PDB file of N, CA and C in Angstrom:
ATOM      1  N   MET A   1       0.653  -1.418   0.252  1.00  0.00           N
ATOM      2  CA  MET A   1      -0.300   0.241   0.086  1.00  0.00           C
ATOM      3  C   MET A   1       1.035   0.952   0.369  1.00  0.00           C
ATOM      4  N   GLY A   2       1.850   1.490  -0.798  1.00  0.00           N
ATOM      5  CA  GLY A   2       2.981   2.601  -0.968  1.00  0.00           C
ATOM      6  C   GLY A   2       1.553   3.864  -1.206  1.00  0.00           C
ATOM      7  N   ASN A   3       1.759   3.894  -2.427  1.00  0.00           N
ATOM      8  CA  ASN A   3       0.472   5.151  -2.955  1.00  0.00           C
ATOM      9  C   ASN A   3      -0.648   4.622  -3.029  1.00  0.00           C
ATOM     10  N   ILE A   4      -2.004   4.808  -2.795  1.00  0.00           N
ATOM     11  CA  ILE A   4      -3.533   5.022  -2.965  1.00  0.00           C
ATOM     12  C   ILE A   4      -4.245   6.157  -3.764  1.00  0.00           C
ATOM     13  N   ASN A   5      -4.859   5.472  -4.464  1.00  0.00           N
ATOM     14  CA  ASN A   5      -5.314   6.526  -5.496  1.00  0.00           C
ATOM     15  C   ASN A   5      -5.854   7.260  -4.847  1.00  0.00           C
ATOM     16  N   PRO A   6      -6.423   8.399  -4.900  1.00  0.00           N
ATOM     17  CA  PRO A   6      -7.506   9.152  -4.627  1.00  0.00           C
ATOM     18  C   PRO A   6      -8.645   8.670  -4.750  1.00  0.00           C
ATOM     19  N   VAL A   7      -8.746   8.803  -5.588  1.00  0.00           N
ATOM     20  CA  VAL A   7     -10.301   8.347  -6.225  1.00  0.00           C
ATOM     21  C   VAL A   7     -11.015   7.127  -4.972  1.00  0.00           C
ATOM     22  N   TYR A   8      -9.954   6.381  -5.137  1.00  0.00           N
ATOM     23  CA  TYR A   8     -10.936   5.276  -3.754  1.00  0.00           C
ATOM     24  C   TYR A   8     -10.480   5.925  -2.714  1.00  0.00           C
ATOM     25  N   ILE A   9      -9.872   6.887  -2.024  1.00  0.00           N
ATOM     26  CA  ILE A   9     -10.241   7.422  -1.046  1.00  0.00           C
ATOM     27  C   ILE A   9     -11.681   8.479  -0.657  1.00  0.00           C
ATOM     28  N   THR A  10     -12.037   8.711  -1.869  1.00  0.00           N
ATOM     29  CA  THR A  10     -12.759  10.088  -2.019  1.00  0.00           C
ATOM     30  C   THR A  10     -14.003   8.468  -1.974  1.00  0.00           C
ATOM     31  N   ALA A  11     -14.333   7.466  -2.596  1.00  0.00           N
ATOM     32  CA  ALA A  11     -15.050   6.407  -3.124  1.00  0.00           C
ATOM     33  C   ALA A  11     -15.415   5.723  -1.153  1.00  0.00           C
ATOM     34  N   LEU A  12     -13.916   5.628  -0.932  1.00  0.00           N
ATOM     35  CA  LEU A  12     -14.426   4.743   0.549  1.00  0.00           C
ATOM     36  C   LEU A  12     -15.557   6.349   1.300  1.00  0.00           C
ATOM     37  N   PHE A  13     -15.067   7.382   1.360  1.00  0.00           N
ATOM     38  CA  PHE A  13     -15.785   8.456   2.324  1.00  0.00           C
ATOM     39  C   PHE A  13     -16.881   8.131   1.817  1.00  0.00           C
ATOM     40  N   ASP A  14     -17.157   8.462   1.012  1.00  0.00           N
ATOM     41  CA  ASP A  14     -18.369   8.630   0.128  1.00  0.00           C
ATOM     42  C   ASP A  14     -19.315   7.232   0.480  1.00  0.00           C
ATOM     43  N   THR A  15     -18.681   6.105   0.187  1.00  0.00           N
ATOM     44  CA  THR A  15     -19.812   4.958   0.737  1.00  0.00           C
ATOM     45  C   THR A  15     -19.606   5.119   2.639  1.00  0.00           C
ATOM     46  N   LYS A  16     -18.440   5.397   3.048  1.00  0.00           N
ATOM     47  CA  LYS A  16     -18.440   6.196   4.583  1.00  0.00           C
ATOM     48  C   LYS A  16     -20.083   6.976   4.821  1.00  0.00           C
ATOM     49  N   LYS A  17     -20.372   8.038   3.790  1.00  0.00           N
ATOM     50  CA  LYS A  17     -21.172   8.857   4.096  1.00  0.00           C
ATOM     51  C   LYS A  17     -22.478   8.371   4.255  1.00  0.00           C
ATOM     52  N   ILE A  18     -23.259   7.303   2.730  1.00  0.00           N
ATOM     53  CA  ILE A  18     -24.375   6.652   2.203  1.00  0.00           C
ATOM     54  C   ILE A  18     -24.000   5.342   3.474  1.00  0.00           C
ATOM     55  N   TYR A  19     -23.587   4.493   4.339  1.00  0.00           N
ATOM     56  CA  TYR A  19     -23.528   3.760   5.041  1.00  0.00           C
ATOM     57  C   TYR A  19     -23.656   4.182   6.557  1.00  0.00           C
ATOM     58  N   GLN A  20     -23.492   5.837   6.696  1.00  0.00           N
ATOM     59  CA  GLN A  20     -24.263   7.085   8.012  1.00  0.00           C
ATOM     60  C   GLN A  20     -25.729   6.984   7.219  1.00  0.00           C
ATOM     61  N   ARG A  21     -25.802   7.220   6.042  1.00  0.00           N
ATOM     62  CA  ARG A  21     -27.093   7.621   5.803  1.00  0.00           C
ATOM     63  C   ARG A  21     -28.372   5.994   5.800  1.00  0.00           C
ATOM     64  N   VAL A  22     -28.039   5.498   5.648  1.00  0.00           N
ATOM     65  CA  VAL A  22     -28.121   4.089   5.694  1.00  0.00           C
ATOM     66  C   VAL A  22     -28.275   3.273   6.669  1.00  0.00           C
ATOM     67  N   ALA A  23     -27.379   3.869   8.414  1.00  0.00           N
ATOM     68  CA  ALA A  23     -27.852   3.763   9.228  1.00  0.00           C
ATOM     69  C   ALA A  23     -28.615   4.250  10.106  1.00  0.00           C
ATOM     70  N   LYS A  24     -28.944   5.359  10.072  1.00  0.00           N
ATOM     71  CA  LYS A  24     -29.748   6.175  10.071  1.00  0.00           C
ATOM     72  C   LYS A  24     -31.301   6.014  10.122  1.00  0.00           C
ATOM     73  N   PHE A  25     -31.588   5.945   7.857  1.00  0.00           N
ATOM     74  CA  PHE A  25     -32.110   5.193   7.922  1.00  0.00           C
ATOM     75  C   PHE A  25     -32.898   4.159   8.509  1.00  0.00           C
ATOM     76  N   GLN A  26     -31.735   2.852   8.701  1.00  0.00           N
ATOM     77  CA  GLN A  26     -32.481   1.583   9.827  1.00  0.00           C
ATOM     78  C   GLN A  26     -32.911   1.905  10.906  1.00  0.00           C
ATOM     79  N   LEU A  27     -32.299   2.820  11.481  1.00  0.00           N
ATOM     80  CA  LEU A  27     -32.147   2.694  13.030  1.00  0.00           C
ATOM     81  C   LEU A  27     -34.009   3.649  13.046  1.00  0.00           C
ATOM     82  N   ALA A  28     -34.408   4.707  12.471  1.00  0.00           N
ATOM     83  CA  ALA A  28     -35.597   4.882  12.423  1.00  0.00           C
ATOM     84  C   ALA A  28     -36.374   4.035  11.829  1.00  0.00           C
ATOM     85  N   LEU A  29     -36.004   3.302  10.986  1.00  0.00           N
ATOM     86  CA  LEU A  29     -37.270   1.910  10.659  1.00  0.00           C
ATOM     87  C   LEU A  29     -37.155   0.779  11.701  1.00  0.00           C
ATOM     88  N   ALA A  30     -35.944   0.886  12.409  1.00  0.00           N
ATOM     89  CA  ALA A  30     -36.172   0.221  13.662  1.00  0.00           C
ATOM     90  C   ALA A  30     -36.810   0.305  14.476  1.00  0.00           C
ATOM     91  N   LEU A  31     -36.875   1.770  14.487  1.00  0.00           N
ATOM     92  CA  LEU A  31     -37.714   1.779  16.233  1.00  0.00           C
ATOM     93  C   LEU A  31     -38.967   2.267  15.658  1.00  0.00           C
ATOM     94  N   PHE A  32     -39.736   2.504  14.770  1.00  0.00           N
ATOM     95  CA  PHE A  32     -40.746   3.023  14.141  1.00  0.00           C
ATOM     96  C   PHE A  32     -41.848   1.650  13.781  1.00  0.00           C
ATOM     97  N   VAL A  33     -40.983   0.291  13.549  1.00  0.00           N
ATOM     98  CA  VAL A  33     -41.249  -0.871  13.275  1.00  0.00           C
ATOM     99  C   VAL A  33     -41.391  -1.492  14.958  1.00  0.00           C
ATOM    100  N   HIS A  34     -40.423  -1.079  15.547  1.00  0.00           N
ATOM    101  CA  HIS A  34     -40.195  -1.321  17.211  1.00  0.00           C
ATOM    102  C   HIS A  34     -41.744  -0.881  17.924  1.00  0.00           C
ATOM    103  N   ARG A  35     -41.266   0.092  17.793  1.00  0.00           N
ATOM    104  CA  ARG A  35     -43.154   0.872  17.858  1.00  0.00           C
ATOM    105  C   ARG A  35     -44.389   0.416  17.699  1.00  0.00           C
ATOM    106  N   LEU A  36     -44.393   0.044  16.434  1.00  0.00           N
ATOM    107  CA  LEU A  36     -45.973  -1.032  16.321  1.00  0.00           C
ATOM    108  C   LEU A  36     -45.909  -2.152  16.562  1.00  0.00           C
ATOM    109  N   THR A  37     -45.274  -3.017  17.043  1.00  0.00           N
ATOM    110  CA  THR A  37     -44.730  -4.004  17.334  1.00  0.00           C
ATOM    111  C   THR A  37     -45.374  -4.055  18.905  1.00  0.00           C
ATOM    112  N   VAL A  38     -44.706  -3.405  19.253  1.00  0.00           N
ATOM    113  CA  VAL A  38     -44.772  -2.362  21.274  1.00  0.00           C
ATOM    114  C   VAL A  38     -46.591  -2.178  20.949  1.00  0.00           C
ATOM    115  N   ILE A  39     -47.069  -1.580  20.219  1.00  0.00           N
ATOM    116  CA  ILE A  39     -48.603  -1.251  20.130  1.00  0.00           C
ATOM    117  C   ILE A  39     -49.498  -2.316  19.715  1.00  0.00           C
ATOM    118  N   GLU A  40     -48.809  -3.497  18.528  1.00  0.00           N
ATOM    119  CA  GLU A  40     -49.628  -4.429  18.437  1.00  0.00           C
ATOM    120  C   GLU A  40     -49.599  -5.540  19.719  1.00  0.00           C
ATOM    121  N   THR A  41     -48.612  -5.469  20.484  1.00  0.00           N
ATOM    122  CA  THR A  41     -48.119  -6.522  21.599  1.00  0.00           C
ATOM    123  C   THR A  41     -49.106  -5.903  23.261  1.00  0.00           C
ATOM    124  N   PHE A  42     -48.819  -4.954  22.885  1.00  0.00           N
ATOM    125  CA  PHE A  42     -49.822  -4.127  24.217  1.00  0.00           C
ATOM    126  C   PHE A  42     -51.017  -3.691  23.509  1.00  0.00           C
ATOM    127  N   ILE A  43     -51.887  -3.834  22.737  1.00  0.00           N
ATOM    128  CA  ILE A  43     -53.380  -3.225  22.162  1.00  0.00           C
ATOM    129  C   ILE A  43     -53.885  -4.828  22.715  1.00  0.00           C
ATOM    130  N   PRO A  44     -53.740  -6.052  22.787  1.00  0.00           N
ATOM    131  CA  PRO A  44     -54.127  -7.424  23.201  1.00  0.00           C
ATOM    132  C   PRO A  44     -54.568  -7.702  24.488  1.00  0.00           C
ATOM    133  N   PHE A  45     -53.597  -7.570  24.913  1.00  0.00           N
ATOM    134  CA  PHE A  45     -53.030  -7.322  26.463  1.00  0.00           C
ATOM    135  C   PHE A  45     -54.338  -6.579  26.623  1.00  0.00           C
ATOM    136  N   TYR A  46     -54.261  -5.337  26.466  1.00  0.00           N
ATOM    137  CA  TYR A  46     -54.759  -4.093  27.402  1.00  0.00           C
ATOM    138  C   TYR A  46     -56.781  -4.811  27.483  1.00  0.00           C
ATOM    139  N   ILE A  47     -56.832  -5.046  25.767  1.00  0.00           N
ATOM    140  CA  ILE A  47     -58.150  -6.048  25.494  1.00  0.00           C
ATOM    141  C   ILE A  47     -58.748  -6.983  26.959  1.00  0.00           C
ATOM    142  N   LEU A  48     -57.349  -7.865  26.214  1.00  0.00           N
ATOM    143  CA  LEU A  48     -57.636  -9.238  27.505  1.00  0.00           C
ATOM    144  C   LEU A  48     -57.903  -8.691  28.906  1.00  0.00           C
ATOM    145  N   THR A  49     -57.281  -7.952  30.198  1.00  0.00           N
ATOM    146  CA  THR A  49     -56.841  -7.013  31.136  1.00  0.00           C
ATOM    147  C   THR A  49     -58.861  -6.433  31.620  1.00  0.00           C
ATOM    148  N   LYS A  50     -58.880  -5.603  30.017  1.00  0.00           N
ATOM    149  CA  LYS A  50     -60.645  -4.952  29.675  1.00  0.00           C
ATOM    150  C   LYS A  50     -61.724  -5.833  30.492  1.00  0.00           C
ATOM    151  N   THR A  51     -61.676  -6.648  29.278  1.00  0.00           N
ATOM    152  CA  THR A  51     -62.778  -7.937  29.145  1.00  0.00           C
ATOM    153  C   THR A  51     -62.666  -9.021  30.599  1.00  0.00           C
ATOM    154  N   LYS A  52     -61.189  -8.768  31.356  1.00  0.00           N
ATOM    155  CA  LYS A  52     -60.953  -9.545  32.827  1.00  0.00           C
ATOM    156  C   LYS A  52     -61.624  -9.250  33.931  1.00  0.00           C
ATOM    157  N   SER A  53     -61.251  -7.502  33.340  1.00  0.00           N
ATOM    158  CA  SER A  53     -61.566  -7.062  34.734  1.00  0.00           C
ATOM    159  C   SER A  53     -63.667  -6.876  34.714  1.00  0.00           C
ATOM    160  N   ASP A  54     -63.780  -6.709  33.701  1.00  0.00           N
ATOM    161  CA  ASP A  54     -65.465  -6.615  33.124  1.00  0.00           C
ATOM    162  C   ASP A  54     -66.119  -7.756  33.491  1.00  0.00           C
ATOM    163  N   ASP A  55     -65.664  -8.527  33.225  1.00  0.00           N
ATOM    164  CA  ASP A  55     -66.806  -9.857  33.519  1.00  0.00           C
ATOM    165  C   ASP A  55     -66.832 -10.353  35.089  1.00  0.00           C
ATOM    166  N   GLN A  56     -65.372  -9.514  35.539  1.00  0.00           N
ATOM    167  CA  GLN A  56     -65.361  -9.702  37.299  1.00  0.00           C
ATOM    168  C   GLN A  56     -66.572  -8.467  38.161  1.00  0.00           C
TER     169      GLN A  56
END
């Protein structure tokens, strides 16, 4: 690795930027999906507890 191509360096930095954007997007997506799954698991649980309390 004596002389490194400057184009390679800029490409490396560009991919780093792209990776950061993708990571941010994936994080946002993961948080959104996580929120959805939390809601999906919470609602049936809430309905179950509500119906149980209504029965008594």
